[in-house]
Amino acid sequence: MPHSIETPERTTPREFGRYPEGFLLGLYERMVTIREFEDGVKFLFLEGSMPGTIHQCQGQEATAVGVCSALKETDFITSTFRGHGHALAKGLSVESLLFELFGASTGCCKGKGGSMHVGDMDKGMVPGIAIVGGGIPLAAGMALAYKMRKLPTVVACFFGDGAVAEGAFHEGVNLAAIWDLPAIFVCENNLYGASTRVDLVMRNTRIAERAATYGIRAETVDGNDVLAVHEAALAAAADCRAGRGPVLLELLTYRRTGHSRRDPCHYQPKDEREAWLQRDPIERFGTQLIEAGLADAARLESIRREVREDFQRAVTEAKRQPLPTTDDLTTDVLA
């Protein structure tokens, strides 16, 4: 098995004292918010009260939170069909996201995007792009625009390990490299492209090593370690703002749920799955907070309880929201 539990280049710093307590607890709360949102939405689909389909990110919370916590409000991200965590990490509210999943006109994309296309330009998130690898050249184009306008804006582009087999990966990363664009290419390597394991489609499964082909810096990071991801993204953003970009970050992680809502994950070997569940990003970080004396079990449970209650209130509100009308078919359309 390629790097299923290898130690990556960057691990958690032990000097928790260099971070404000509120920042650390905020990371924990944001990861819990994503997990509770995803678990709650999964139940809503199972009971048949939500339309459409979903691609969820339980287990990958640290990648979204770690990267987005290193960005400024004026920075942008591009996302994928698995974008709920990215949206919540970038600052979209639970309500606006949930309203969108219910198809309400009050959702973040006015009910027109649905699960696979969530986003909010005012929050710095381009609505999700469901085409595998489709966000990579778009991120390069955005980064070029910001560079030409001499703005200190960074674009972080999320994609999965399967996207590196697309021509868009080569085209987008190569363009960003030759023009030194302020783009962070964030590969969430969860070892599976849908149900196909990464070592069945790549001889060299260390995706970060591909960066040498383009002459750019890359780093492999423990994607289940939120502080390690935060530090790596912070360094990558600094490189971009200093004109030394782009940077490729390979975040090693694992999804606890299926590729989509009808996928039971039978292709994940039991021993592999158990090993990764022992490295759950939320449980690990919670333990570290307790060991550092920044919280106790009761404090962390209080955070989880408040997040659950907020989600349930949002569900109640979502079911009351107005749906788009036929007149909305012609709004927000370029003709």
C-alpha atoms as a PDB file:
ATOM      1  CA  MET A   1       0.000   0.000   0.000  1.00  0.00           C
ATOM      2  CA  PRO A   2       1.528   3.373  -0.933  1.00  0.00           C
ATOM      3  CA  HIS A   3       2.072   5.719   2.021  1.00  0.00           C
ATOM      4  CA  SER A   4      -1.110   4.606   3.818  1.00  0.00           C
ATOM      5  CA  ILE A   5       0.347   5.613   7.174  1.00  0.00           C
ATOM      6  CA  GLU A   6       3.781   6.982   6.327  1.00  0.00           C
ATOM      7  CA  THR A   7       5.137   9.957   8.246  1.00  0.00           C
ATOM      8  CA  PRO A   8       4.986  12.968   5.896  1.00  0.00           C
ATOM      9  CA  GLU A   9       7.429  15.837   5.778  1.00  0.00           C
ATOM     10  CA  ARG A  10       5.514  18.140   8.092  1.00  0.00           C
ATOM     11  CA  THR A  11       3.982  17.060  11.390  1.00  0.00           C
ATOM     12  CA  THR A  12       2.332  18.921  14.233  1.00  0.00           C
ATOM     13  CA  PRO A  13       4.531  21.490  15.983  1.00  0.00           C
ATOM     14  CA  ARG A  14       4.748  20.807  19.700  1.00  0.00           C
ATOM     15  CA  GLU A  15       4.937  24.490  20.638  1.00  0.00           C
ATOM     16  CA  PHE A  16       1.216  25.070  21.067  1.00  0.00           C
ATOM     17  CA  GLY A  17       2.120  28.176  23.044  1.00  0.00           C
ATOM     18  CA  ARG A  18       2.908  30.098  19.881  1.00  0.00           C
ATOM     19  CA  TYR A  19      -0.767  29.980  18.879  1.00  0.00           C
ATOM     20  CA  PRO A  20      -3.543  31.945  20.605  1.00  0.00           C
ATOM     21  CA  GLU A  21      -5.907  29.679  22.512  1.00  0.00           C
ATOM     22  CA  GLY A  22      -8.899  31.089  20.655  1.00  0.00           C
ATOM     23  CA  PHE A  23      -7.305  30.261  17.308  1.00  0.00           C
ATOM     24  CA  LEU A  24      -6.683  26.637  18.283  1.00  0.00           C
ATOM     25  CA  LEU A  25     -10.172  26.153  19.677  1.00  0.00           C
ATOM     26  CA  GLY A  26     -11.514  27.825  16.541  1.00  0.00           C
ATOM     27  CA  LEU A  27      -9.775  25.217  14.377  1.00  0.00           C
ATOM     28  CA  TYR A  28     -11.358  22.480  16.454  1.00  0.00           C
ATOM     29  CA  GLU A  29     -14.813  24.062  16.291  1.00  0.00           C
ATOM     30  CA  ARG A  30     -14.633  24.537  12.525  1.00  0.00           C
ATOM     31  CA  MET A  31     -13.649  20.896  11.977  1.00  0.00           C
ATOM     32  CA  VAL A  32     -16.460  19.743  14.264  1.00  0.00           C
ATOM     33  CA  THR A  33     -18.875  21.991  12.353  1.00  0.00           C
ATOM     34  CA  ILE A  34     -17.916  20.295   9.086  1.00  0.00           C
ATOM     35  CA  ARG A  35     -18.255  16.792  10.569  1.00  0.00           C
ATOM     36  CA  GLU A  36     -21.621  17.503  12.173  1.00  0.00           C
ATOM     37  CA  PHE A  37     -22.864  19.171   8.992  1.00  0.00           C
ATOM     38  CA  GLU A  38     -21.869  16.199   6.850  1.00  0.00           C
ATOM     39  CA  ASP A  39     -23.263  13.606   9.259  1.00  0.00           C
ATOM     40  CA  GLY A  40     -26.501  15.586   9.583  1.00  0.00           C
ATOM     41  CA  VAL A  41     -26.882  16.027   5.828  1.00  0.00           C
ATOM     42  CA  LYS A  42     -26.281  12.320   5.266  1.00  0.00           C
ATOM     43  CA  PHE A  43     -29.223  11.535   7.569  1.00  0.00           C
ATOM     44  CA  LEU A  44     -31.428  14.088   5.799  1.00  0.00           C
ATOM     45  CA  PHE A  45     -30.766  12.371   2.490  1.00  0.00           C
ATOM     46  CA  LEU A  46     -31.384   8.924   3.959  1.00  0.00           C
ATOM     47  CA  GLU A  47     -34.789  10.020   5.275  1.00  0.00           C
ATOM     48  CA  GLY A  48     -35.651  11.494   1.878  1.00  0.00           C
ATOM     49  CA  SER A  49     -36.134  15.105   2.930  1.00  0.00           C
ATOM     50  CA  MET A  50     -33.376  16.580   0.751  1.00  0.00           C
ATOM     51  CA  PRO A  51     -33.221  16.537  -3.088  1.00  0.00           C
ATOM     52  CA  GLY A  52     -30.318  15.691  -5.369  1.00  0.00           C
ATOM     53  CA  THR A  53     -27.174  13.865  -4.329  1.00  0.00           C
ATOM     54  CA  ILE A  54     -24.095  14.469  -2.187  1.00  0.00           C
ATOM     55  CA  HIS A  55     -20.354  13.806  -2.138  1.00  0.00           C
ATOM     56  CA  GLN A  56     -19.118  14.149   1.426  1.00  0.00           C
ATOM     57  CA  CYS A  57     -15.799  14.748   3.192  1.00  0.00           C
ATOM     58  CA  GLN A  58     -15.987  13.126   6.644  1.00  0.00           C
ATOM     59  CA  GLY A  59     -12.388  12.434   7.655  1.00  0.00           C
ATOM     60  CA  GLN A  60     -10.935  15.230   5.515  1.00  0.00           C
ATOM     61  CA  GLU A  61     -11.861  18.169   7.754  1.00  0.00           C
ATOM     62  CA  ALA A  62      -8.254  19.123   8.527  1.00  0.00           C
ATOM     63  CA  THR A  63      -7.382  19.740   4.875  1.00  0.00           C
ATOM     64  CA  ALA A  64     -10.117  22.327   4.375  1.00  0.00           C
ATOM     65  CA  VAL A  65      -9.727  24.024   7.762  1.00  0.00           C
ATOM     66  CA  GLY A  66      -5.927  23.964   7.718  1.00  0.00           C
ATOM     67  CA  VAL A  67      -5.671  25.585   4.293  1.00  0.00           C
ATOM     68  CA  CYS A  68      -8.446  28.149   4.682  1.00  0.00           C
ATOM     69  CA  SER A  69      -7.214  29.230   8.129  1.00  0.00           C
ATOM     70  CA  ALA A  70      -3.945  30.237   6.464  1.00  0.00           C
ATOM     71  CA  LEU A  71      -5.662  32.436   3.868  1.00  0.00           C
ATOM     72  CA  LYS A  72      -6.874  36.018   4.118  1.00  0.00           C
ATOM     73  CA  GLU A  73     -10.509  36.995   3.610  1.00  0.00           C
ATOM     74  CA  THR A  74      -9.535  38.548   0.280  1.00  0.00           C
ATOM     75  CA  ASP A  75      -7.960  35.312  -0.975  1.00  0.00           C
ATOM     76  CA  PHE A  76      -9.973  32.898  -3.101  1.00  0.00           C
ATOM     77  CA  ILE A  77     -10.444  29.154  -3.302  1.00  0.00           C
ATOM     78  CA  THR A  78     -11.743  26.895  -6.036  1.00  0.00           C
ATOM     79  CA  SER A  79     -13.470  23.697  -5.024  1.00  0.00           C
ATOM     80  CA  THR A  80     -14.828  20.403  -6.336  1.00  0.00           C
ATOM     81  CA  PHE A  81     -18.030  18.347  -6.161  1.00  0.00           C
ATOM     82  CA  ARG A  82     -16.892  17.449  -2.603  1.00  0.00           C
ATOM     83  CA  GLY A  83     -17.044  21.032  -1.420  1.00  0.00           C
ATOM     84  CA  HIS A  84     -19.137  21.317   1.748  1.00  0.00           C
ATOM     85  CA  GLY A  85     -16.057  21.343   3.993  1.00  0.00           C
ATOM     86  CA  HIS A  86     -14.270  23.889   1.814  1.00  0.00           C
ATOM     87  CA  ALA A  87     -17.306  26.174   1.967  1.00  0.00           C
ATOM     88  CA  LEU A  88     -17.639  26.029   5.754  1.00  0.00           C
ATOM     89  CA  ALA A  89     -13.887  26.471   6.197  1.00  0.00           C
ATOM     90  CA  LYS A  90     -13.876  29.553   3.953  1.00  0.00           C
ATOM     91  CA  GLY A  91     -16.579  31.242   5.993  1.00  0.00           C
ATOM     92  CA  LEU A  92     -19.924  30.309   4.468  1.00  0.00           C
ATOM     93  CA  SER A  93     -22.550  29.872   7.156  1.00  0.00           C
ATOM     94  CA  VAL A  94     -24.220  26.575   7.946  1.00  0.00           C
ATOM     95  CA  GLU A  95     -27.548  28.200   7.094  1.00  0.00           C
ATOM     96  CA  SER A  96     -26.603  29.475   3.622  1.00  0.00           C
ATOM     97  CA  LEU A  97     -25.064  26.106   2.755  1.00  0.00           C
ATOM     98  CA  LEU A  98     -27.956  24.063   4.107  1.00  0.00           C
ATOM     99  CA  PHE A  99     -30.531  26.294   2.407  1.00  0.00           C
ATOM    100  CA  GLU A 100     -28.711  25.657  -0.865  1.00  0.00           C
ATOM    101  CA  LEU A 101     -28.825  21.884  -0.382  1.00  0.00           C
ATOM    102  CA  PHE A 102     -32.566  22.134   0.198  1.00  0.00           C
ATOM    103  CA  GLY A 103     -32.835  24.017  -3.110  1.00  0.00           C
ATOM    104  CA  ALA A 104     -34.042  27.236  -1.488  1.00  0.00           C
ATOM    105  CA  SER A 105     -33.776  30.616  -3.207  1.00  0.00           C
ATOM    106  CA  THR A 106     -32.087  31.888  -0.017  1.00  0.00           C
ATOM    107  CA  GLY A 107     -29.183  29.461  -0.407  1.00  0.00           C
ATOM    108  CA  CYS A 108     -25.644  30.586  -1.128  1.00  0.00           C
ATOM    109  CA  CYS A 109     -26.255  30.066  -4.874  1.00  0.00           C
ATOM    110  CA  LYS A 110     -29.999  30.876  -4.776  1.00  0.00           C
ATOM    111  CA  GLY A 111     -30.912  27.216  -5.024  1.00  0.00           C
ATOM    112  CA  LYS A 112     -29.314  26.892  -8.461  1.00  0.00           C
ATOM    113  CA  GLY A 113     -26.076  25.193  -7.496  1.00  0.00           C
ATOM    114  CA  GLY A 114     -26.984  22.398  -5.155  1.00  0.00           C
ATOM    115  CA  SER A 115     -24.469  20.238  -3.324  1.00  0.00           C
ATOM    116  CA  MET A 116     -21.879  19.999  -6.096  1.00  0.00           C
ATOM    117  CA  HIS A 117     -21.724  23.721  -6.852  1.00  0.00           C
ATOM    118  CA  VAL A 118     -21.749  25.521  -3.511  1.00  0.00           C
ATOM    119  CA  GLY A 119     -19.830  28.755  -3.102  1.00  0.00           C
ATOM    120  CA  ASP A 120     -20.031  32.474  -2.439  1.00  0.00           C
ATOM    121  CA  MET A 121     -17.843  35.002  -4.237  1.00  0.00           C
ATOM    122  CA  ASP A 122     -18.303  37.460  -1.375  1.00  0.00           C
ATOM    123  CA  LYS A 123     -16.648  34.900   0.915  1.00  0.00           C
ATOM    124  CA  GLY A 124     -13.842  34.165  -1.521  1.00  0.00           C
ATOM    125  CA  MET A 125     -15.132  30.845  -2.833  1.00  0.00           C
ATOM    126  CA  VAL A 126     -15.882  30.224  -6.485  1.00  0.00           C
ATOM    127  CA  PRO A 127     -18.914  27.894  -6.701  1.00  0.00           C
ATOM    128  CA  GLY A 128     -17.751  24.290  -6.883  1.00  0.00           C
ATOM    129  CA  ILE A 129     -16.699  22.809 -10.211  1.00  0.00           C
ATOM    130  CA  ALA A 130     -17.908  19.224 -10.624  1.00  0.00           C
ATOM    131  CA  ILE A 131     -15.637  18.420 -13.598  1.00  0.00           C
ATOM    132  CA  VAL A 132     -12.613  16.528 -12.262  1.00  0.00           C
ATOM    133  CA  GLY A 133      -9.609  18.841 -12.517  1.00  0.00           C
ATOM    134  CA  GLY A 134     -11.761  21.633 -13.932  1.00  0.00           C
ATOM    135  CA  GLY A 135     -10.815  24.129 -11.244  1.00  0.00           C
ATOM    136  CA  ILE A 136      -7.070  23.895 -11.890  1.00  0.00           C
ATOM    137  CA  PRO A 137      -6.796  26.005 -15.077  1.00  0.00           C
ATOM    138  CA  LEU A 138      -9.456  28.340 -13.683  1.00  0.00           C
ATOM    139  CA  ALA A 139      -7.310  28.926 -10.593  1.00  0.00           C
ATOM    140  CA  ALA A 140      -4.319  29.658 -12.804  1.00  0.00           C
ATOM    141  CA  GLY A 141      -6.375  32.179 -14.767  1.00  0.00           C
ATOM    142  CA  MET A 142      -7.585  33.865 -11.603  1.00  0.00           C
ATOM    143  CA  ALA A 143      -4.046  34.015 -10.225  1.00  0.00           C
ATOM    144  CA  LEU A 144      -2.844  35.556 -13.508  1.00  0.00           C
ATOM    145  CA  ALA A 145      -5.536  38.225 -13.257  1.00  0.00           C
ATOM    146  CA  TYR A 146      -4.524  39.113  -9.697  1.00  0.00           C
ATOM    147  CA  LYS A 147      -0.849  39.258 -10.669  1.00  0.00           C
ATOM    148  CA  MET A 148      -1.572  41.517 -13.650  1.00  0.00           C
ATOM    149  CA  ARG A 149      -3.588  43.819 -11.394  1.00  0.00           C
ATOM    150  CA  LYS A 150      -0.732  43.777  -8.858  1.00  0.00           C
ATOM    151  CA  LEU A 151      -3.027  42.561  -6.074  1.00  0.00           C
ATOM    152  CA  PRO A 152      -1.617  40.515  -3.159  1.00  0.00           C
ATOM    153  CA  THR A 153      -4.337  37.889  -3.633  1.00  0.00           C
ATOM    154  CA  VAL A 154      -3.672  34.155  -3.461  1.00  0.00           C
ATOM    155  CA  VAL A 155      -5.812  31.445  -5.053  1.00  0.00           C
ATOM    156  CA  ALA A 156      -5.919  28.030  -3.373  1.00  0.00           C
ATOM    157  CA  CYS A 157      -7.183  25.305  -5.685  1.00  0.00           C
ATOM    158  CA  PHE A 158      -8.543  22.112  -4.104  1.00  0.00           C
ATOM    159  CA  PHE A 159      -8.636  18.856  -6.088  1.00  0.00           C
ATOM    160  CA  GLY A 160      -8.367  15.125  -5.466  1.00  0.00           C
ATOM    161  CA  ASP A 161      -5.673  12.627  -6.358  1.00  0.00           C
ATOM    162  CA  GLY A 162      -7.691  11.502  -9.386  1.00  0.00           C
ATOM    163  CA  ALA A 163      -7.437  14.963 -10.939  1.00  0.00           C
ATOM    164  CA  VAL A 164      -3.681  14.706 -11.530  1.00  0.00           C
ATOM    165  CA  ALA A 165      -4.412  12.266 -14.376  1.00  0.00           C
ATOM    166  CA  GLU A 166      -6.341  14.981 -16.218  1.00  0.00           C
ATOM    167  CA  GLY A 167      -4.718  17.154 -18.856  1.00  0.00           C
ATOM    168  CA  ALA A 168      -6.068  20.175 -17.005  1.00  0.00           C
ATOM    169  CA  PHE A 169      -3.638  19.444 -14.169  1.00  0.00           C
ATOM    170  CA  HIS A 170      -0.615  19.669 -16.475  1.00  0.00           C
ATOM    171  CA  GLU A 171      -1.921  22.703 -18.324  1.00  0.00           C
ATOM    172  CA  GLY A 172      -2.925  24.674 -15.250  1.00  0.00           C
ATOM    173  CA  VAL A 173       0.123  23.917 -13.135  1.00  0.00           C
ATOM    174  CA  ASN A 174       2.497  24.484 -16.048  1.00  0.00           C
ATOM    175  CA  LEU A 175       0.988  27.890 -16.842  1.00  0.00           C
ATOM    176  CA  ALA A 176       1.167  28.892 -13.180  1.00  0.00           C
ATOM    177  CA  ALA A 177       4.794  27.773 -13.057  1.00  0.00           C
ATOM    178  CA  ILE A 178       6.085  29.608 -16.110  1.00  0.00           C
ATOM    179  CA  TRP A 179       4.364  32.832 -15.026  1.00  0.00           C
ATOM    180  CA  ASP A 180       5.143  32.534 -11.280  1.00  0.00           C
ATOM    181  CA  LEU A 181       1.479  32.858 -10.411  1.00  0.00           C
ATOM    182  CA  PRO A 182       0.185  33.176  -6.823  1.00  0.00           C
ATOM    183  CA  ALA A 183      -1.597  29.811  -6.773  1.00  0.00           C
ATOM    184  CA  ILE A 184      -1.530  27.030  -4.213  1.00  0.00           C
ATOM    185  CA  PHE A 185      -2.477  23.710  -5.777  1.00  0.00           C
ATOM    186  CA  VAL A 186      -3.943  21.633  -2.950  1.00  0.00           C
ATOM    187  CA  CYS A 187      -4.183  17.925  -3.705  1.00  0.00           C
ATOM    188  CA  GLU A 188      -6.360  16.157  -1.133  1.00  0.00           C
ATOM    189  CA  ASN A 189      -4.890  12.696  -1.619  1.00  0.00           C
ATOM    190  CA  ASN A 190      -7.375  10.357   0.060  1.00  0.00           C
ATOM    191  CA  LEU A 191      -5.919   7.355  -1.824  1.00  0.00           C
ATOM    192  CA  TYR A 192      -9.023   6.786  -3.962  1.00  0.00           C
ATOM    193  CA  GLY A 193     -10.374   8.265  -7.178  1.00  0.00           C
ATOM    194  CA  ALA A 194     -13.999   7.203  -6.695  1.00  0.00           C
ATOM    195  CA  SER A 195     -13.435   3.490  -5.952  1.00  0.00           C
ATOM    196  CA  THR A 196     -10.040   3.074  -7.649  1.00  0.00           C
ATOM    197  CA  ARG A 197      -6.964   3.042  -5.434  1.00  0.00           C
ATOM    198  CA  VAL A 198      -4.194   5.433  -6.357  1.00  0.00           C
ATOM    199  CA  ASP A 199      -1.521   2.741  -6.810  1.00  0.00           C
ATOM    200  CA  LEU A 200      -3.582   1.136  -9.598  1.00  0.00           C
ATOM    201  CA  VAL A 201      -3.346   4.239 -11.776  1.00  0.00           C
ATOM    202  CA  MET A 202       0.054   5.714 -10.824  1.00  0.00           C
ATOM    203  CA  ARG A 203       3.459   4.071 -10.658  1.00  0.00           C
ATOM    204  CA  ASN A 204       4.798   6.962  -8.565  1.00  0.00           C
ATOM    205  CA  THR A 205       2.109   7.577  -5.966  1.00  0.00           C
ATOM    206  CA  ARG A 206       3.920  10.501  -4.323  1.00  0.00           C
ATOM    207  CA  ILE A 207       2.046  13.252  -6.135  1.00  0.00           C
ATOM    208  CA  ALA A 208       4.211  16.039  -4.704  1.00  0.00           C
ATOM    209  CA  GLU A 209       7.170  14.716  -6.702  1.00  0.00           C
ATOM    210  CA  ARG A 210       5.439  15.779  -9.911  1.00  0.00           C
ATOM    211  CA  ALA A 211       6.187  19.384  -9.016  1.00  0.00           C
ATOM    212  CA  ALA A 212       9.840  18.911 -10.038  1.00  0.00           C
ATOM    213  CA  THR A 213       8.658  18.558 -13.640  1.00  0.00           C
ATOM    214  CA  TYR A 214       7.339  22.122 -13.502  1.00  0.00           C
ATOM    215  CA  GLY A 215      10.197  23.578 -11.463  1.00  0.00           C
ATOM    216  CA  ILE A 216       8.020  24.561  -8.512  1.00  0.00           C
ATOM    217  CA  ARG A 217       8.151  23.852  -4.790  1.00  0.00           C
ATOM    218  CA  ALA A 218       6.029  21.073  -3.330  1.00  0.00           C
ATOM    219  CA  GLU A 219       5.458  19.463   0.021  1.00  0.00           C
ATOM    220  CA  THR A 220       3.764  16.330   1.310  1.00  0.00           C
ATOM    221  CA  VAL A 221       1.856  16.968   4.519  1.00  0.00           C
ATOM    222  CA  ASP A 222      -0.141  14.900   6.995  1.00  0.00           C
ATOM    223  CA  GLY A 223      -3.588  15.981   5.841  1.00  0.00           C
ATOM    224  CA  ASN A 224      -5.174  14.735   9.071  1.00  0.00           C
ATOM    225  CA  ASP A 225      -3.082  17.164  11.123  1.00  0.00           C
ATOM    226  CA  VAL A 226      -4.779  20.544  10.994  1.00  0.00           C
ATOM    227  CA  LEU A 227      -1.808  22.529  12.331  1.00  0.00           C
ATOM    228  CA  ALA A 228       0.616  20.864   9.938  1.00  0.00           C
ATOM    229  CA  VAL A 229      -1.684  21.759   7.057  1.00  0.00           C
ATOM    230  CA  HIS A 230      -2.104  25.315   8.376  1.00  0.00           C
ATOM    231  CA  GLU A 231       1.661  25.861   8.577  1.00  0.00           C
ATOM    232  CA  ALA A 232       2.300  24.402   5.138  1.00  0.00           C
ATOM    233  CA  ALA A 233      -0.438  26.541   3.593  1.00  0.00           C
ATOM    234  CA  LEU A 234       0.794  29.628   5.434  1.00  0.00           C
ATOM    235  CA  ALA A 235       4.297  29.116   4.008  1.00  0.00           C
ATOM    236  CA  ALA A 236       2.876  28.488   0.534  1.00  0.00           C
ATOM    237  CA  ALA A 237       0.782  31.670   0.692  1.00  0.00           C
ATOM    238  CA  ALA A 238       3.858  33.638   1.766  1.00  0.00           C
ATOM    239  CA  ASP A 239       5.762  32.266  -1.233  1.00  0.00           C
ATOM    240  CA  CYS A 240       2.936  33.307  -3.530  1.00  0.00           C
ATOM    241  CA  ARG A 241       2.717  36.838  -2.144  1.00  0.00           C
ATOM    242  CA  ALA A 242       6.485  37.220  -2.496  1.00  0.00           C
ATOM    243  CA  GLY A 243       6.371  36.212  -6.168  1.00  0.00           C
ATOM    244  CA  ARG A 244       7.863  32.764  -5.547  1.00  0.00           C
ATOM    245  CA  GLY A 245       4.700  30.829  -6.352  1.00  0.00           C
ATOM    246  CA  PRO A 246       3.068  28.573  -7.270  1.00  0.00           C
ATOM    247  CA  VAL A 247       3.273  25.744  -4.722  1.00  0.00           C
ATOM    248  CA  LEU A 248       1.889  22.204  -4.810  1.00  0.00           C
ATOM    249  CA  LEU A 249       0.704  20.760  -1.485  1.00  0.00           C
ATOM    250  CA  GLU A 250      -0.088  17.066  -1.272  1.00  0.00           C
ATOM    251  CA  LEU A 251      -2.240  16.455   1.790  1.00  0.00           C
ATOM    252  CA  LEU A 252      -2.444  12.801   2.798  1.00  0.00           C
ATOM    253  CA  THR A 253      -5.910  12.095   4.152  1.00  0.00           C
ATOM    254  CA  TYR A 254      -8.749   9.574   4.033  1.00  0.00           C
ATOM    255  CA  ARG A 255     -12.495   9.810   3.604  1.00  0.00           C
ATOM    256  CA  ARG A 256     -14.572   7.890   6.105  1.00  0.00           C
ATOM    257  CA  THR A 257     -17.576   7.822   3.804  1.00  0.00           C
ATOM    258  CA  GLY A 258     -18.288   6.710   0.256  1.00  0.00           C
ATOM    259  CA  HIS A 259     -17.456   8.545  -2.936  1.00  0.00           C
ATOM    260  CA  SER A 260     -21.127   9.509  -3.108  1.00  0.00           C
ATOM    261  CA  ARG A 261     -24.125   8.778  -0.928  1.00  0.00           C
ATOM    262  CA  ARG A 262     -24.845   5.353  -2.484  1.00  0.00           C
ATOM    263  CA  ASP A 263     -21.279   4.058  -2.063  1.00  0.00           C
ATOM    264  CA  PRO A 264     -20.788   1.606   0.863  1.00  0.00           C
ATOM    265  CA  CYS A 265     -16.950   1.760   0.602  1.00  0.00           C
ATOM    266  CA  HIS A 266     -16.481  -2.011   0.306  1.00  0.00           C
ATOM    267  CA  TYR A 267     -13.301  -1.414  -1.718  1.00  0.00           C
ATOM    268  CA  GLN A 268     -11.456   0.033   1.300  1.00  0.00           C
ATOM    269  CA  PRO A 269      -9.497  -2.782   3.005  1.00  0.00           C
ATOM    270  CA  LYS A 270     -10.540  -3.277   6.624  1.00  0.00           C
ATOM    271  CA  ASP A 271      -7.016  -2.937   8.068  1.00  0.00           C
ATOM    272  CA  GLU A 272      -6.332   0.214   6.025  1.00  0.00           C
ATOM    273  CA  ARG A 273      -9.619   1.767   7.084  1.00  0.00           C
ATOM    274  CA  GLU A 274      -9.048   0.963  10.754  1.00  0.00           C
ATOM    275  CA  ALA A 275      -5.541   2.454  10.641  1.00  0.00           C
ATOM    276  CA  TRP A 276      -6.855   5.716   9.214  1.00  0.00           C
ATOM    277  CA  LEU A 277      -9.798   5.876  11.617  1.00  0.00           C
ATOM    278  CA  GLN A 278      -7.238   5.822  14.420  1.00  0.00           C
ATOM    279  CA  ARG A 279      -5.837   9.034  12.911  1.00  0.00           C
ATOM    280  CA  ASP A 280      -9.128  10.894  12.814  1.00  0.00           C
ATOM    281  CA  PRO A 281      -8.245  14.612  12.511  1.00  0.00           C
ATOM    282  CA  ILE A 282     -10.824  15.811  15.039  1.00  0.00           C
ATOM    283  CA  GLU A 283     -10.090  13.211  17.699  1.00  0.00           C
ATOM    284  CA  ARG A 284      -6.325  13.718  17.315  1.00  0.00           C
ATOM    285  CA  PHE A 285      -6.529  17.469  17.620  1.00  0.00           C
ATOM    286  CA  GLY A 286      -8.910  17.248  20.554  1.00  0.00           C
ATOM    287  CA  THR A 287      -6.456  14.980  22.369  1.00  0.00           C
ATOM    288  CA  GLN A 288      -3.624  17.415  21.654  1.00  0.00           C
ATOM    289  CA  LEU A 289      -5.660  20.322  23.036  1.00  0.00           C
ATOM    290  CA  ILE A 290      -6.328  18.374  26.239  1.00  0.00           C
ATOM    291  CA  GLU A 291      -2.681  17.339  26.602  1.00  0.00           C
ATOM    292  CA  ALA A 292      -1.590  20.957  26.102  1.00  0.00           C
ATOM    293  CA  GLY A 293      -3.941  22.063  28.883  1.00  0.00           C
ATOM    294  CA  LEU A 294      -6.013  24.248  26.551  1.00  0.00           C
ATOM    295  CA  ALA A 295      -9.265  22.347  27.045  1.00  0.00           C
ATOM    296  CA  ASP A 296     -10.748  19.411  28.870  1.00  0.00           C
ATOM    297  CA  ALA A 297     -13.156  16.753  27.653  1.00  0.00           C
ATOM    298  CA  ALA A 298     -16.133  18.713  28.978  1.00  0.00           C
ATOM    299  CA  ARG A 299     -15.114  21.830  27.021  1.00  0.00           C
ATOM    300  CA  LEU A 300     -14.758  19.891  23.795  1.00  0.00           C
ATOM    301  CA  GLU A 301     -18.089  18.140  24.318  1.00  0.00           C
ATOM    302  CA  SER A 302     -19.678  21.531  24.920  1.00  0.00           C
ATOM    303  CA  ILE A 303     -18.369  22.722  21.545  1.00  0.00           C
ATOM    304  CA  ARG A 304     -19.741  19.626  19.816  1.00  0.00           C
ATOM    305  CA  ARG A 305     -23.120  20.023  21.515  1.00  0.00           C
ATOM    306  CA  GLU A 306     -23.424  23.685  20.507  1.00  0.00           C
ATOM    307  CA  VAL A 307     -22.518  22.823  16.921  1.00  0.00           C
ATOM    308  CA  ARG A 308     -25.181  20.088  16.817  1.00  0.00           C
ATOM    309  CA  GLU A 309     -27.813  22.430  18.218  1.00  0.00           C
ATOM    310  CA  ASP A 310     -26.907  25.126  15.682  1.00  0.00           C
ATOM    311  CA  PHE A 311     -27.240  22.581  12.876  1.00  0.00           C
ATOM    312  CA  GLN A 312     -30.649  21.411  14.050  1.00  0.00           C
ATOM    313  CA  ARG A 313     -31.876  25.012  14.205  1.00  0.00           C
ATOM    314  CA  ALA A 314     -30.604  25.526  10.666  1.00  0.00           C
ATOM    315  CA  VAL A 315     -32.482  22.421   9.485  1.00  0.00           C
ATOM    316  CA  THR A 316     -35.708  23.782  10.951  1.00  0.00           C
ATOM    317  CA  GLU A 317     -35.165  27.100   9.162  1.00  0.00           C
ATOM    318  CA  ALA A 318     -34.154  25.408   5.906  1.00  0.00           C
ATOM    319  CA  LYS A 319     -37.458  23.583   5.674  1.00  0.00           C
ATOM    320  CA  ARG A 320     -39.255  26.943   5.827  1.00  0.00           C
ATOM    321  CA  GLN A 321     -37.270  28.649   3.080  1.00  0.00           C
ATOM    322  CA  PRO A 322     -38.854  29.646  -0.257  1.00  0.00           C
ATOM    323  CA  LEU A 323     -38.019  27.689  -3.383  1.00  0.00           C
ATOM    324  CA  PRO A 324     -37.068  29.368  -6.679  1.00  0.00           C
ATOM    325  CA  THR A 325     -39.933  30.308  -9.006  1.00  0.00           C
ATOM    326  CA  THR A 326     -40.188  29.949 -12.768  1.00  0.00           C
ATOM    327  CA  ASP A 327     -39.174  33.612 -13.051  1.00  0.00           C
ATOM    328  CA  ASP A 328     -35.823  32.696 -11.500  1.00  0.00           C
ATOM    329  CA  LEU A 329     -34.987  30.618 -14.575  1.00  0.00           C
ATOM    330  CA  THR A 330     -33.857  33.740 -16.408  1.00  0.00           C
ATOM    331  CA  THR A 331     -32.067  35.543 -13.562  1.00  0.00           C
ATOM    332  CA  ASP A 332     -28.273  35.435 -13.161  1.00  0.00           C
ATOM    333  CA  VAL A 333     -27.943  34.197 -16.755  1.00  0.00           C
ATOM    334  CA  LEU A 334     -25.636  35.736 -19.360  1.00  0.00           C
ATOM    335  CA  ALA A 335     -27.270  35.733 -22.785  1.00  0.00           C
END
